[in-house]
N, C-alpha and C. Protein backbone atom coordinates (compact mmCIF):
# COMPACT_ATOMS: atom_id res chain seq x y z
N MET A 1 0.84 -1.15 -0.36
CA MET A 1 0.03 0.32 -0.23
C MET A 1 1.06 0.88 0.06
N ASP A 2 0.30 2.60 -0.56
CA ASP A 2 1.03 3.32 -0.62
C ASP A 2 0.23 4.74 0.06
N GLY A 3 1.21 5.69 0.76
CA GLY A 3 0.59 6.61 1.60
C GLY A 3 0.67 7.53 0.33
N LEU A 4 -0.13 8.78 0.30
CA LEU A 4 -0.03 9.82 -0.55
C LEU A 4 1.50 10.29 -0.21
N ASN A 5 1.99 10.86 0.46
CA ASN A 5 3.39 11.76 0.91
C ASN A 5 4.32 10.44 0.43
N ALA A 6 4.48 9.54 0.90
CA ALA A 6 5.74 8.51 0.50
C ALA A 6 5.63 8.76 -1.16
N GLU A 7 4.29 8.27 -1.26
CA GLU A 7 4.67 7.58 -2.80
C GLU A 7 4.89 9.08 -3.61
N ASP A 8 4.46 10.46 -3.62
CA ASP A 8 4.85 11.46 -4.31
C ASP A 8 5.80 11.59 -4.21
N ALA A 9 6.56 11.91 -2.79
CA ALA A 9 7.94 12.18 -2.53
C ALA A 9 9.16 11.11 -3.16
N ALA A 10 8.62 10.01 -3.22
CA ALA A 10 9.75 9.06 -3.72
C ALA A 10 9.57 9.10 -5.22
N GLU A 11 8.56 9.75 -6.00
CA GLU A 11 8.63 9.86 -7.30
C GLU A 11 8.59 11.30 -7.32
N GLY A 12 9.42 11.99 -7.07
CA GLY A 12 9.44 13.46 -7.10
C GLY A 12 9.43 13.66 -8.92
N ALA A 13 9.89 12.98 -9.67
CA ALA A 13 9.86 12.94 -11.12
C ALA A 13 8.33 13.22 -11.40
N PHE A 14 7.64 12.66 -11.02
CA PHE A 14 5.72 12.34 -11.39
C PHE A 14 5.52 13.82 -12.21
N GLY A 15 4.93 13.60 -13.65
CA GLY A 15 4.76 15.11 -14.01
C GLY A 15 5.69 15.85 -14.84
N LYS A 16 7.07 15.40 -14.43
CA LYS A 16 7.87 16.21 -15.27
C LYS A 16 7.91 15.77 -16.74
N GLU A 17 8.30 16.89 -17.66
CA GLU A 17 8.64 16.48 -19.02
C GLU A 17 9.52 15.50 -19.41
N GLU A 18 10.55 15.56 -18.56
CA GLU A 18 11.44 14.30 -19.07
C GLU A 18 11.04 12.58 -18.92
N ASP A 19 10.21 12.69 -18.19
CA ASP A 19 9.29 11.53 -17.98
C ASP A 19 9.17 10.73 -19.25
N PRO A 20 9.71 9.50 -19.41
CA PRO A 20 9.19 8.72 -20.37
C PRO A 20 7.98 8.48 -20.55
N VAL A 21 7.25 8.25 -22.30
CA VAL A 21 5.94 8.32 -22.24
C VAL A 21 5.50 6.65 -21.80
N ALA A 22 4.36 6.30 -21.18
CA ALA A 22 4.24 5.16 -20.66
C ALA A 22 3.47 4.45 -22.31
N SER A 23 3.71 3.26 -22.46
CA SER A 23 3.27 2.72 -23.39
C SER A 23 2.47 1.21 -23.48
N ALA A 24 1.47 1.06 -22.54
CA ALA A 24 0.63 -0.02 -22.00
C ALA A 24 0.37 -0.67 -23.10
N LYS A 25 0.78 -2.05 -23.72
CA LYS A 25 -0.09 -2.66 -24.75
C LYS A 25 -1.32 -3.52 -24.10
N ILE A 26 -2.87 -2.55 -24.38
CA ILE A 26 -3.71 -3.39 -23.54
C ILE A 26 -4.41 -4.38 -24.66
N ARG A 27 -4.42 -5.27 -24.27
CA ARG A 27 -5.42 -6.29 -25.04
C ARG A 27 -6.93 -6.25 -24.66
N LYS A 28 -7.14 -6.25 -23.51
CA LYS A 28 -8.74 -5.99 -23.24
C LYS A 28 -9.13 -5.01 -22.08
N LEU A 29 -10.04 -4.14 -21.97
CA LEU A 29 -10.38 -3.46 -20.82
C LEU A 29 -11.51 -4.00 -20.68
N VAL A 30 -12.02 -3.89 -19.31
CA VAL A 30 -13.12 -4.51 -18.66
C VAL A 30 -13.72 -3.37 -17.84
N THR A 31 -14.82 -3.68 -17.63
CA THR A 31 -15.63 -2.37 -16.67
C THR A 31 -16.46 -2.86 -16.12
N TRP A 32 -16.84 -3.13 -14.92
CA TRP A 32 -18.65 -3.52 -14.37
C TRP A 32 -18.58 -2.78 -13.03
N VAL A 33 -20.21 -2.91 -12.93
CA VAL A 33 -20.81 -2.45 -11.54
C VAL A 33 -21.22 -3.41 -10.59
N GLU A 34 -20.72 -3.63 -9.46
CA GLU A 34 -21.71 -4.80 -8.46
C GLU A 34 -22.58 -3.41 -7.58
N GLU A 35 -23.75 -3.99 -7.95
CA GLU A 35 -24.72 -3.03 -6.85
C GLU A 35 -25.84 -3.83 -6.05
N THR A 36 -25.77 -3.64 -4.59
CA THR A 36 -26.58 -4.31 -3.69
C THR A 36 -27.40 -3.58 -3.34
N ARG A 37 -28.80 -4.35 -3.82
CA ARG A 37 -29.86 -3.94 -3.29
C ARG A 37 -30.93 -4.18 -1.67
N ARG A 38 -30.46 -5.80 -1.75
CA ARG A 38 -31.02 -6.32 -0.69
C ARG A 38 -29.81 -6.86 0.17
N GLU A 39 -29.77 -6.97 1.62
CA GLU A 39 -28.82 -7.63 2.64
C GLU A 39 -29.77 -7.81 3.93
N ALA A 40 -29.24 -9.11 4.40
CA ALA A 40 -29.85 -9.34 5.25
C ALA A 40 -31.94 -9.08 5.58
N GLY A 41 -32.19 -9.59 4.38
CA GLY A 41 -33.43 -9.51 4.18
C GLY A 41 -34.28 -7.97 4.46
N ARG A 42 -33.12 -6.89 4.31
CA ARG A 42 -33.48 -5.22 4.23
C ARG A 42 -33.19 -4.72 2.71
N GLU A 43 -33.89 -3.76 2.41
CA GLU A 43 -33.54 -3.22 1.52
C GLU A 43 -32.74 -2.18 1.55
N ILE A 44 -31.38 -2.08 0.31
CA ILE A 44 -30.49 -0.97 0.54
C ILE A 44 -31.08 0.32 0.05
N ALA A 45 -31.10 1.52 0.16
CA ALA A 45 -31.61 2.36 -0.22
C ALA A 45 -30.44 3.42 -0.06
N PRO A 46 -30.03 4.31 -0.62
CA PRO A 46 -29.91 3.81 -1.97
C PRO A 46 -28.83 2.60 -1.97
N PRO A 47 -28.77 2.06 -3.14
CA PRO A 47 -28.07 1.06 -2.77
C PRO A 47 -26.51 1.09 -2.74
N THR A 48 -25.68 0.31 -2.43
CA THR A 48 -24.56 0.32 -2.37
C THR A 48 -23.82 -0.13 -3.71
N ARG A 49 -22.67 0.80 -3.87
CA ARG A 49 -22.25 0.40 -5.63
C ARG A 49 -20.60 0.27 -5.45
N LYS A 50 -20.20 -0.89 -6.14
CA LYS A 50 -18.73 -0.88 -6.24
C LYS A 50 -18.55 -1.23 -7.73
N ALA A 51 -17.53 -0.43 -8.47
CA ALA A 51 -17.21 -0.41 -9.83
C ALA A 51 -15.65 -0.86 -10.23
N ALA A 52 -15.45 -2.03 -10.70
CA ALA A 52 -14.67 -2.26 -11.26
C ALA A 52 -13.61 -2.19 -12.45
N ALA A 53 -12.72 -1.24 -12.67
CA ALA A 53 -12.00 -0.98 -14.24
C ALA A 53 -10.89 -1.78 -14.17
N VAL A 54 -10.74 -2.87 -15.11
CA VAL A 54 -9.63 -3.94 -15.18
C VAL A 54 -8.82 -3.58 -16.85
N ALA A 55 -7.80 -3.60 -16.81
CA ALA A 55 -6.69 -3.53 -18.23
C ALA A 55 -5.74 -4.90 -17.89
N VAL A 56 -6.15 -5.66 -19.02
CA VAL A 56 -5.50 -6.63 -19.59
C VAL A 56 -4.23 -6.26 -20.15
N ILE A 57 -3.05 -6.06 -19.67
CA ILE A 57 -1.86 -5.86 -20.53
C ILE A 57 -0.65 -6.76 -20.98
N GLU A 58 0.29 -6.56 -21.95
CA GLU A 58 1.22 -7.29 -22.14
C GLU A 58 2.52 -7.06 -21.05
N ASN A 59 2.89 -7.63 -20.60
CA ASN A 59 4.09 -7.95 -19.36
C ASN A 59 5.58 -7.87 -20.45
N PRO A 60 6.18 -6.19 -20.47
CA PRO A 60 7.19 -6.09 -21.48
C PRO A 60 8.46 -7.04 -20.89
N LEU A 61 8.26 -7.65 -19.62
CA LEU A 61 9.51 -8.10 -18.90
C LEU A 61 9.40 -9.46 -18.80
N ALA A 62 8.21 -10.17 -19.33
CA ALA A 62 7.93 -11.36 -19.04
C ALA A 62 9.15 -12.50 -19.70
N GLY A 63 9.43 -13.47 -18.87
CA GLY A 63 10.35 -14.44 -19.62
C GLY A 63 11.83 -13.99 -19.09
N ARG A 64 12.28 -13.02 -18.10
CA ARG A 64 13.23 -12.70 -18.09
C ARG A 64 13.44 -11.79 -16.76
N PHE A 65 14.87 -11.81 -16.22
CA PHE A 65 15.10 -10.96 -14.99
C PHE A 65 15.59 -9.60 -15.68
N ALA A 66 14.87 -8.61 -15.13
CA ALA A 66 15.39 -7.25 -15.33
C ALA A 66 15.72 -6.37 -13.76
N GLU A 67 16.61 -5.87 -13.87
CA GLU A 67 17.04 -5.02 -12.44
C GLU A 67 16.05 -3.87 -12.32
N ASP A 68 15.80 -3.15 -13.67
CA ASP A 68 15.41 -1.88 -14.26
C ASP A 68 13.83 -2.16 -14.27
N LEU A 69 12.84 -2.06 -13.40
CA LEU A 69 11.62 -2.38 -13.66
C LEU A 69 10.54 -0.84 -13.98
N GLU A 70 11.24 -0.12 -14.24
CA GLU A 70 10.72 1.38 -14.81
C GLU A 70 9.87 1.12 -15.83
N PRO A 71 10.24 0.20 -16.95
CA PRO A 71 8.84 -0.10 -18.24
C PRO A 71 7.48 -0.10 -17.16
N LEU A 72 7.43 -0.93 -16.34
CA LEU A 72 6.32 -1.32 -15.66
C LEU A 72 5.86 -0.19 -14.68
N THR A 73 6.53 0.71 -14.12
CA THR A 73 6.60 1.85 -13.27
C THR A 73 5.65 2.85 -14.08
N ALA A 74 6.15 2.79 -15.58
CA ALA A 74 5.47 4.12 -16.28
C ALA A 74 4.14 3.69 -16.83
N ILE A 75 3.84 2.20 -16.79
CA ILE A 75 2.59 1.71 -17.43
C ILE A 75 1.63 1.90 -15.97
N GLY A 76 2.18 1.72 -14.45
CA GLY A 76 1.23 1.69 -13.52
C GLY A 76 0.92 2.80 -13.58
N GLU A 77 1.55 4.38 -14.00
CA GLU A 77 1.12 5.64 -13.86
C GLU A 77 0.33 5.88 -14.76
N GLU A 78 0.19 5.44 -16.01
CA GLU A 78 -0.65 5.47 -17.19
C GLU A 78 -1.74 4.71 -16.60
N LEU A 79 -1.73 3.50 -15.88
CA LEU A 79 -3.20 3.09 -15.89
C LEU A 79 -3.70 3.85 -14.33
N GLY A 80 -2.85 3.96 -13.68
CA GLY A 80 -3.82 4.59 -12.50
C GLY A 80 -4.78 5.63 -13.09
N GLY A 81 -4.55 6.61 -13.59
CA GLY A 81 -5.56 7.79 -14.40
C GLY A 81 -6.69 6.92 -15.33
N LEU A 82 -6.06 6.34 -16.45
CA LEU A 82 -6.93 5.29 -17.23
C LEU A 82 -7.85 4.68 -16.79
N LEU A 83 -7.68 3.71 -15.59
CA LEU A 83 -8.68 2.85 -14.80
C LEU A 83 -9.42 3.73 -14.08
N GLY A 84 -8.60 4.57 -13.21
CA GLY A 84 -9.52 5.38 -12.34
C GLY A 84 -10.66 6.15 -12.90
N ALA A 85 -10.36 6.76 -14.16
CA ALA A 85 -11.69 7.58 -14.85
C ALA A 85 -12.55 6.63 -15.12
N ARG A 86 -12.37 5.46 -15.87
CA ARG A 86 -13.06 4.67 -15.81
C ARG A 86 -14.04 4.04 -14.81
N ALA A 87 -13.52 3.72 -13.97
CA ALA A 87 -14.22 3.54 -12.73
C ALA A 87 -15.21 4.34 -12.22
N VAL A 88 -14.73 5.85 -12.00
CA VAL A 88 -15.84 6.75 -11.87
C VAL A 88 -17.08 6.88 -12.83
N ALA A 89 -16.30 6.83 -14.01
CA ALA A 89 -17.75 7.03 -15.45
C ALA A 89 -18.92 5.85 -14.99
N ALA A 90 -18.30 4.76 -14.70
CA ALA A 90 -19.02 3.51 -14.57
C ALA A 90 -19.97 3.68 -13.34
N LEU A 91 -19.73 4.65 -12.55
CA LEU A 91 -20.32 4.51 -11.08
C LEU A 91 -21.31 5.96 -11.49
N GLY A 92 -21.14 6.51 -12.53
CA GLY A 92 -21.80 7.98 -12.96
C GLY A 92 -21.91 8.94 -11.83
N ILE A 93 -20.69 8.93 -11.26
CA ILE A 93 -21.08 10.08 -10.29
C ILE A 93 -19.96 11.13 -10.74
N ALA A 94 -19.85 12.29 -9.56
CA ALA A 94 -18.71 13.26 -9.90
C ALA A 94 -17.61 12.38 -9.20
N PRO A 95 -16.45 13.03 -9.53
CA PRO A 95 -15.34 12.54 -8.64
C PRO A 95 -15.18 12.17 -7.18
N GLU A 96 -15.86 13.57 -6.65
CA GLU A 96 -15.42 13.96 -5.57
C GLU A 96 -16.30 12.99 -4.46
N ARG A 97 -17.34 12.20 -5.15
CA ARG A 97 -17.92 11.56 -4.26
C ARG A 97 -17.76 10.30 -4.23
N VAL A 98 -16.87 10.12 -4.88
CA VAL A 98 -16.19 8.59 -4.84
C VAL A 98 -15.74 8.51 -3.05
N GLU A 99 -16.06 7.49 -2.46
CA GLU A 99 -15.79 7.04 -1.10
C GLU A 99 -14.49 6.19 -0.58
N SER A 100 -14.25 5.01 -1.80
CA SER A 100 -13.29 3.87 -1.13
C SER A 100 -12.66 3.86 -2.45
N TYR A 101 -11.41 3.31 -2.31
CA TYR A 101 -10.50 2.76 -3.37
C TYR A 101 -9.47 1.76 -3.20
N GLY A 102 -9.44 1.17 -4.16
CA GLY A 102 -8.47 0.07 -4.19
C GLY A 102 -7.82 -0.43 -5.14
N LYS A 103 -6.92 -0.99 -5.74
CA LYS A 103 -5.85 -1.92 -6.44
C LYS A 103 -5.33 -2.97 -6.22
N ALA A 104 -5.00 -3.36 -7.30
CA ALA A 104 -4.71 -5.28 -7.72
C ALA A 104 -3.80 -5.49 -8.77
N ALA A 105 -3.07 -6.81 -8.48
CA ALA A 105 -2.78 -7.08 -10.23
C ALA A 105 -2.35 -8.59 -10.06
N ILE A 106 -2.56 -8.99 -11.00
CA ILE A 106 -2.15 -10.61 -11.31
C ILE A 106 -1.13 -10.66 -12.50
N VAL A 107 -0.22 -11.19 -11.87
CA VAL A 107 1.11 -11.50 -13.07
C VAL A 107 0.83 -13.04 -13.66
N GLY A 108 1.02 -13.25 -14.90
CA GLY A 108 1.09 -14.42 -15.42
C GLY A 108 2.14 -14.86 -15.36
N GLU A 109 2.22 -16.49 -15.43
CA GLU A 109 3.02 -17.13 -15.19
C GLU A 109 4.76 -16.88 -15.85
N ALA A 110 4.79 -16.14 -16.53
CA ALA A 110 6.18 -15.99 -17.36
C ALA A 110 6.47 -14.67 -16.28
N GLY A 111 5.89 -14.10 -15.30
CA GLY A 111 6.34 -12.93 -14.84
C GLY A 111 6.95 -13.08 -13.44
N GLU A 112 6.63 -12.18 -12.64
CA GLU A 112 7.30 -12.61 -11.38
C GLU A 112 6.30 -11.30 -10.38
N LEU A 113 5.96 -11.59 -9.03
CA LEU A 113 5.32 -10.87 -8.37
C LEU A 113 5.94 -9.60 -8.18
N GLU A 114 7.03 -9.46 -7.97
CA GLU A 114 7.73 -7.79 -8.22
C GLU A 114 7.12 -7.03 -9.21
N HIS A 115 6.56 -7.49 -10.62
CA HIS A 115 6.21 -6.72 -11.46
C HIS A 115 4.93 -6.42 -11.43
N ALA A 116 4.14 -7.14 -10.29
CA ALA A 116 3.04 -6.19 -9.92
C ALA A 116 3.29 -5.11 -9.01
N ALA A 117 4.36 -5.09 -8.28
CA ALA A 117 4.73 -4.34 -7.13
C ALA A 117 5.20 -3.41 -7.92
N ALA A 118 5.57 -3.59 -8.81
CA ALA A 118 6.24 -2.15 -9.84
C ALA A 118 5.22 -1.44 -10.72
N ILE A 119 4.11 -1.84 -10.99
CA ILE A 119 2.83 -1.47 -11.44
C ILE A 119 2.28 -0.80 -10.33
N LEU A 120 1.95 -1.51 -9.07
CA LEU A 120 1.02 -0.80 -8.65
C LEU A 120 1.32 0.37 -7.43
N HIS A 121 2.71 0.41 -7.03
CA HIS A 121 3.31 1.24 -6.07
C HIS A 121 3.57 2.52 -6.37
N PRO A 122 5.02 2.58 -7.02
CA PRO A 122 5.59 3.82 -7.02
C PRO A 122 4.81 5.25 -7.92
N ARG A 123 4.05 4.99 -8.92
CA ARG A 123 3.28 5.73 -9.57
C ARG A 123 1.84 5.59 -10.11
N LEU A 124 1.41 4.45 -9.63
CA LEU A 124 -0.20 4.53 -9.82
C LEU A 124 -1.07 5.00 -8.95
N GLY A 125 -0.45 5.54 -7.70
CA GLY A 125 -1.59 6.03 -6.81
C GLY A 125 -1.69 7.68 -7.33
N ALA A 126 -0.94 8.26 -7.66
CA ALA A 126 -0.88 9.83 -7.84
C ALA A 126 -2.15 10.18 -8.55
N PRO A 127 -2.25 9.64 -10.19
CA PRO A 127 -2.93 9.89 -11.08
C PRO A 127 -4.50 8.94 -10.64
N LEU A 128 -4.65 7.99 -10.20
CA LEU A 128 -5.70 7.28 -9.54
C LEU A 128 -6.21 8.68 -8.35
N ARG A 129 -5.23 9.11 -7.74
CA ARG A 129 -6.14 10.15 -6.71
C ARG A 129 -6.62 11.42 -7.22
N LYS A 130 -5.94 11.80 -8.19
CA LYS A 130 -6.42 12.97 -9.18
C LYS A 130 -7.93 12.35 -9.94
N ALA A 131 -7.88 11.37 -10.26
CA ALA A 131 -9.43 10.51 -10.81
C ALA A 131 -10.52 10.72 -9.70
N VAL A 132 -10.15 10.73 -8.75
CA VAL A 132 -11.15 10.45 -7.54
C VAL A 132 -11.24 11.75 -6.53
N HIS A 133 -10.52 12.80 -7.02
CA HIS A 133 -10.35 13.96 -6.52
C HIS A 133 -9.99 14.04 -4.80
N LYS A 134 -8.89 13.77 -4.58
CA LYS A 134 -8.05 13.73 -3.25
C LYS A 134 -7.67 12.36 -3.07
N GLY A 135 -7.93 12.21 -2.08
CA GLY A 135 -7.51 10.54 -1.89
C GLY A 135 -6.01 10.78 -0.84
N ALA A 136 -6.22 11.12 0.54
CA ALA A 136 -5.63 11.50 1.55
C ALA A 136 -4.89 9.79 1.94
N ALA A 137 -5.74 9.06 2.11
CA ALA A 137 -5.48 7.59 2.80
C ALA A 137 -4.66 6.90 1.65
N LEU A 138 -4.10 5.82 2.32
CA LEU A 138 -3.32 4.69 1.82
C LEU A 138 -4.40 4.01 0.65
N VAL A 139 -3.90 3.57 -0.66
CA VAL A 139 -4.45 3.10 -1.51
C VAL A 139 -4.29 1.44 -0.80
N PRO A 140 -5.37 0.44 -0.50
CA PRO A 140 -4.95 -0.81 -0.31
C PRO A 140 -5.04 -1.30 -1.75
N SER A 141 -4.01 -2.68 -1.24
CA SER A 141 -3.50 -2.98 -2.87
C SER A 141 -3.42 -4.64 -2.27
N ALA A 142 -3.45 -5.57 -3.27
CA ALA A 142 -3.31 -7.04 -3.20
C ALA A 142 -2.23 -7.07 -4.69
N LYS A 143 -1.77 -8.48 -4.78
CA LYS A 143 -0.72 -8.82 -5.68
C LYS A 143 -0.48 -10.37 -5.61
N LYS A 144 -0.82 -11.09 -6.69
CA LYS A 144 -0.11 -12.39 -6.99
C LYS A 144 -0.14 -12.63 -8.30
N VAL A 145 0.80 -13.92 -8.27
CA VAL A 145 0.85 -14.44 -9.76
C VAL A 145 -0.05 -15.54 -9.83
N GLY A 146 -0.56 -15.89 -11.28
CA GLY A 146 -1.64 -16.52 -11.25
C GLY A 146 -1.98 -16.96 -12.83
N GLY A 147 -2.61 -17.92 -13.19
CA GLY A 147 -3.25 -18.30 -14.60
C GLY A 147 -4.01 -17.73 -15.07
N ILE A 148 -4.52 -18.20 -16.52
CA ILE A 148 -6.03 -17.63 -16.85
C ILE A 148 -7.00 -18.21 -15.89
N GLY A 149 -7.67 -17.20 -15.77
CA GLY A 149 -9.15 -16.87 -14.83
C GLY A 149 -8.97 -17.13 -13.25
N THR A 150 -7.74 -16.50 -13.12
CA THR A 150 -7.37 -16.74 -11.69
C THR A 150 -8.12 -15.16 -11.17
N ALA A 151 -8.67 -15.63 -9.91
CA ALA A 151 -9.53 -14.30 -9.20
C ALA A 151 -8.88 -13.66 -8.48
N ILE A 152 -8.76 -12.41 -7.78
CA ILE A 152 -8.43 -11.65 -6.92
C ILE A 152 -9.16 -10.63 -5.95
N ASP A 153 -9.09 -10.67 -4.98
CA ASP A 153 -9.66 -9.84 -3.77
C ASP A 153 -9.26 -8.49 -3.84
N VAL A 154 -9.75 -7.75 -4.49
CA VAL A 154 -9.08 -6.02 -4.33
C VAL A 154 -9.44 -5.29 -3.03
N PRO A 155 -8.76 -5.19 -2.38
CA PRO A 155 -9.18 -4.68 -0.77
C PRO A 155 -9.51 -3.15 -1.04
N LEU A 156 -10.57 -2.59 -0.17
CA LEU A 156 -10.89 -1.41 -0.37
C LEU A 156 -10.72 -0.99 1.32
N GLY A 157 -10.54 0.79 0.97
CA GLY A 157 -10.45 1.57 2.18
C GLY A 157 -11.17 2.84 1.86
N HIS A 158 -11.64 3.61 2.91
CA HIS A 158 -11.84 4.90 2.81
C HIS A 158 -10.80 5.71 2.01
N LYS A 159 -11.21 6.69 0.97
CA LYS A 159 -10.12 7.45 0.34
C LYS A 159 -9.42 8.49 1.14
N ASP A 160 -10.13 8.62 2.02
CA ASP A 160 -9.53 10.06 2.75
C ASP A 160 -9.23 9.81 4.23
N ALA A 161 -9.77 8.44 4.75
CA ALA A 161 -9.67 8.21 6.24
C ALA A 161 -9.38 6.81 6.74
N ALA A 162 -8.27 6.51 6.89
CA ALA A 162 -8.41 4.92 7.08
C ALA A 162 -9.03 3.97 8.00
N PHE A 163 -9.49 4.93 9.19
CA PHE A 163 -9.91 4.14 10.34
C PHE A 163 -11.44 4.36 10.17
N VAL A 164 -11.83 4.65 8.85
CA VAL A 164 -13.76 4.54 8.57
C VAL A 164 -13.83 2.85 8.50
N ARG A 165 -14.47 2.50 9.40
CA ARG A 165 -14.70 0.46 9.38
C ARG A 165 -15.82 0.27 8.46
N SER A 166 -16.81 1.28 8.22
CA SER A 166 -17.72 0.69 7.49
C SER A 166 -17.03 1.00 6.03
N HIS A 167 -16.16 1.20 5.58
CA HIS A 167 -15.49 1.10 4.24
C HIS A 167 -14.31 -0.07 3.98
N PHE A 168 -14.29 -0.89 5.27
CA PHE A 168 -13.32 -1.80 4.99
C PHE A 168 -14.11 -2.82 4.49
N ASP A 169 -13.64 -3.07 3.14
CA ASP A 169 -14.13 -4.27 2.47
C ASP A 169 -13.42 -4.63 1.20
N ALA A 170 -13.96 -5.44 0.39
CA ALA A 170 -13.11 -6.31 -1.15
C ALA A 170 -14.26 -6.39 -2.18
N MET A 171 -13.58 -6.49 -3.28
CA MET A 171 -14.43 -6.85 -4.53
C MET A 171 -13.66 -8.12 -5.02
N GLU A 172 -14.18 -9.04 -5.55
CA GLU A 172 -13.24 -9.97 -6.17
C GLU A 172 -13.36 -9.79 -7.81
N VAL A 173 -12.37 -9.50 -8.28
CA VAL A 173 -12.29 -9.26 -9.74
C VAL A 173 -11.58 -10.51 -10.62
N ARG A 174 -11.99 -10.88 -11.89
CA ARG A 174 -11.96 -12.03 -12.33
C ARG A 174 -12.07 -11.86 -14.18
N VAL A 175 -11.08 -12.20 -15.06
CA VAL A 175 -11.23 -12.03 -16.43
C VAL A 175 -11.09 -13.52 -16.70
N ALA A 176 -11.85 -14.30 -17.57
CA ALA A 176 -12.20 -15.40 -17.95
C ALA A 176 -10.88 -15.84 -18.40
N ASP A 177 -10.17 -15.17 -19.52
CA ASP A 177 -9.03 -15.61 -20.41
C ASP A 177 -7.79 -14.79 -20.09
N ALA A 178 -7.75 -14.41 -18.81
CA ALA A 178 -6.48 -13.71 -18.34
C ALA A 178 -6.27 -14.09 -16.89
N PRO A 179 -4.96 -13.53 -16.52
CA PRO A 179 -3.57 -12.99 -17.39
C PRO A 179 -2.93 -14.55 -18.26
N ARG A 180 -3.05 -14.27 -19.20
CA ARG A 180 -2.06 -15.51 -20.20
C ARG A 180 -0.62 -15.12 -19.87
N ALA A 181 0.22 -16.14 -19.94
CA ALA A 181 1.50 -16.26 -19.19
C ALA A 181 2.33 -14.98 -19.09
N GLY A 182 1.94 -14.24 -20.53
CA GLY A 182 3.00 -12.96 -21.04
C GLY A 182 2.26 -11.82 -20.47
N GLU A 183 1.03 -12.10 -19.50
CA GLU A 183 0.42 -10.42 -19.34
C GLU A 183 0.35 -10.46 -17.92
N ILE A 184 -0.27 -9.13 -17.55
CA ILE A 184 -0.88 -8.97 -16.29
C ILE A 184 -1.67 -8.17 -16.34
N LEU A 185 -2.94 -8.58 -15.49
CA LEU A 185 -4.18 -7.96 -15.00
C LEU A 185 -3.92 -6.93 -14.13
N VAL A 186 -4.54 -5.82 -14.63
CA VAL A 186 -4.15 -4.65 -12.94
C VAL A 186 -5.68 -4.15 -13.26
N ALA A 187 -6.44 -4.22 -11.86
CA ALA A 187 -7.29 -3.40 -11.56
C ALA A 187 -7.49 -2.14 -10.83
N VAL A 188 -8.39 -1.49 -10.57
CA VAL A 188 -8.93 -0.25 -9.70
C VAL A 188 -10.33 -0.85 -9.47
N VAL A 189 -10.43 -0.61 -8.27
CA VAL A 189 -11.93 -0.67 -7.69
C VAL A 189 -12.17 0.97 -7.00
N LEU A 190 -13.75 1.35 -7.14
CA LEU A 190 -14.22 2.44 -6.58
C LEU A 190 -15.31 1.91 -6.18
N THR A 191 -15.64 2.87 -5.09
CA THR A 191 -17.05 2.78 -4.51
C THR A 191 -17.82 4.19 -4.11
N ASP A 192 -19.12 4.20 -4.13
CA ASP A 192 -19.62 5.43 -3.94
C ASP A 192 -20.19 5.36 -2.37
N SER A 193 -20.09 4.12 -1.65
CA SER A 193 -20.85 4.08 -0.17
C SER A 193 -19.79 3.05 0.39
N GLY A 194 -20.22 2.92 1.95
CA GLY A 194 -19.44 1.67 2.21
C GLY A 194 -20.28 0.05 2.15
N ARG A 195 -20.01 -0.52 3.17
CA ARG A 195 -20.75 -1.74 3.05
C ARG A 195 -22.29 -1.36 3.59
N PRO A 196 -23.11 -2.21 2.67
CA PRO A 196 -24.39 -2.37 2.99
C PRO A 196 -24.76 -2.59 4.98
N LEU A 197 -25.91 -2.06 5.38
CA LEU A 197 -25.91 -2.01 6.81
C LEU A 197 -25.10 -1.87 7.56
N PRO A 198 -23.62 -1.44 7.33
CA PRO A 198 -22.59 -1.21 8.62
C PRO A 198 -22.97 -0.96 10.23
N ARG A 199 -22.29 -1.68 11.06
CA ARG A 199 -22.93 -1.40 12.43
C ARG A 199 -21.79 -1.94 13.32
N VAL A 200 -20.42 -1.95 12.96
CA VAL A 200 -19.06 -2.20 13.83
C VAL A 200 -18.56 -0.83 14.61
N GLY A 201 -19.36 0.33 14.68
CA GLY A 201 -18.73 1.19 15.27
C GLY A 201 -17.39 1.78 14.44
N GLY A 202 -16.39 2.46 15.12
CA GLY A 202 -15.40 3.48 14.35
C GLY A 202 -15.92 4.61 13.63
N LEU A 203 -14.63 5.47 13.25
CA LEU A 203 -15.08 6.71 12.42
C LEU A 203 -16.11 6.99 11.57
N THR A 204 -16.64 7.66 11.42
CA THR A 204 -18.20 7.69 10.49
C THR A 204 -17.67 8.76 9.23
N VAL A 205 -18.36 8.60 8.44
CA VAL A 205 -18.03 9.24 7.17
C VAL A 205 -18.14 10.82 7.90
N ALA A 206 -19.06 11.50 8.29
CA ALA A 206 -19.52 12.48 8.68
C ALA A 206 -18.30 13.25 9.70
N GLU A 207 -17.31 12.20 10.39
CA GLU A 207 -16.54 12.70 11.12
C GLU A 207 -15.02 12.91 10.36
N ILE A 208 -14.97 12.71 9.09
CA ILE A 208 -13.69 12.65 8.56
C ILE A 208 -13.13 13.89 8.57
N LYS A 209 -11.94 14.18 8.69
CA LYS A 209 -11.03 15.43 8.74
C LYS A 209 -10.46 15.29 7.24
N GLY A 210 -9.79 13.95 6.73
CA GLY A 210 -9.11 14.02 5.65
C GLY A 210 -7.97 14.96 5.46
N GLU A 211 -7.26 14.95 6.76
CA GLU A 211 -5.72 15.80 6.69
C GLU A 211 -4.55 14.83 6.63
N ASP A 212 -4.74 13.73 7.56
CA ASP A 212 -3.48 12.83 7.76
C ASP A 212 -3.92 11.25 7.04
N GLY A 213 -4.84 11.22 6.58
CA GLY A 213 -5.19 10.02 5.72
C GLY A 213 -5.65 8.92 6.80
N LEU A 214 -5.51 9.24 8.12
CA LEU A 214 -6.30 8.24 9.05
C LEU A 214 -7.58 8.36 9.64
N ARG A 215 -7.68 10.01 9.88
CA ARG A 215 -8.99 10.05 10.16
C ARG A 215 -9.90 11.43 9.80
C-alpha cells in the first residue's frame, strides 16, 4: 500500500516533461458495477455500489529477469489515471463523490510478483487520486501470480480516512481469459458508499477530517 506523501516524495519526477511516455499494450479493458439492493432481508436504499475497471496488458519483462522495472512503473502511472477515470464513469458520479478505493494486479506465469509491485506502487497512486479528487489515505492493494481465470480480491478502504470501518471491504475481480503467461491483469476498484448495513462502530464518514489519511 502507498501513502500519499511517501508515494509522491519517492517519485519526485512525476509529471515532469523528461519522464518517459508510458506505452501499455492493452489487450482488453473490462469495466463492471456491482450493486447491492438487499442485504439480510432489508432493502438498501440507495444501493451500495462498487465499480471495477480492469486492464489486461502485455508484460514487457515477461520471461526474463530485469533489475530496472521502470517500464512497468511507467505503465502503472498510465493505468492509474485510465482505470480511475473509467471506474468513476461506470459509477456515474462526480469524482469527489467516490468514497473508497483499492488496486490489485495478477501477473501471468512468465512474470514475477515484483512486476505487480512495480505497476501498483511507485506511481499508480497519484493519477488515481487525481481521478477521484483527493485521496489522503493509503490505497489498499493486493498482488499475486496466477494463470488464466485467476481471481483476486481487491481490498478497499475509504479514500480520505483509513479508520472508517464501514468502508473496510473488498471486491473480487476475475477475467475469464486472463492473465495469459506474458500478461498482467491490473484492476482499480472504486465505491460510492461503504458496506451495506455497517454497524461495527468506528469513525463515521461525517467525522472525517481527511488531513493525515487516518481520520
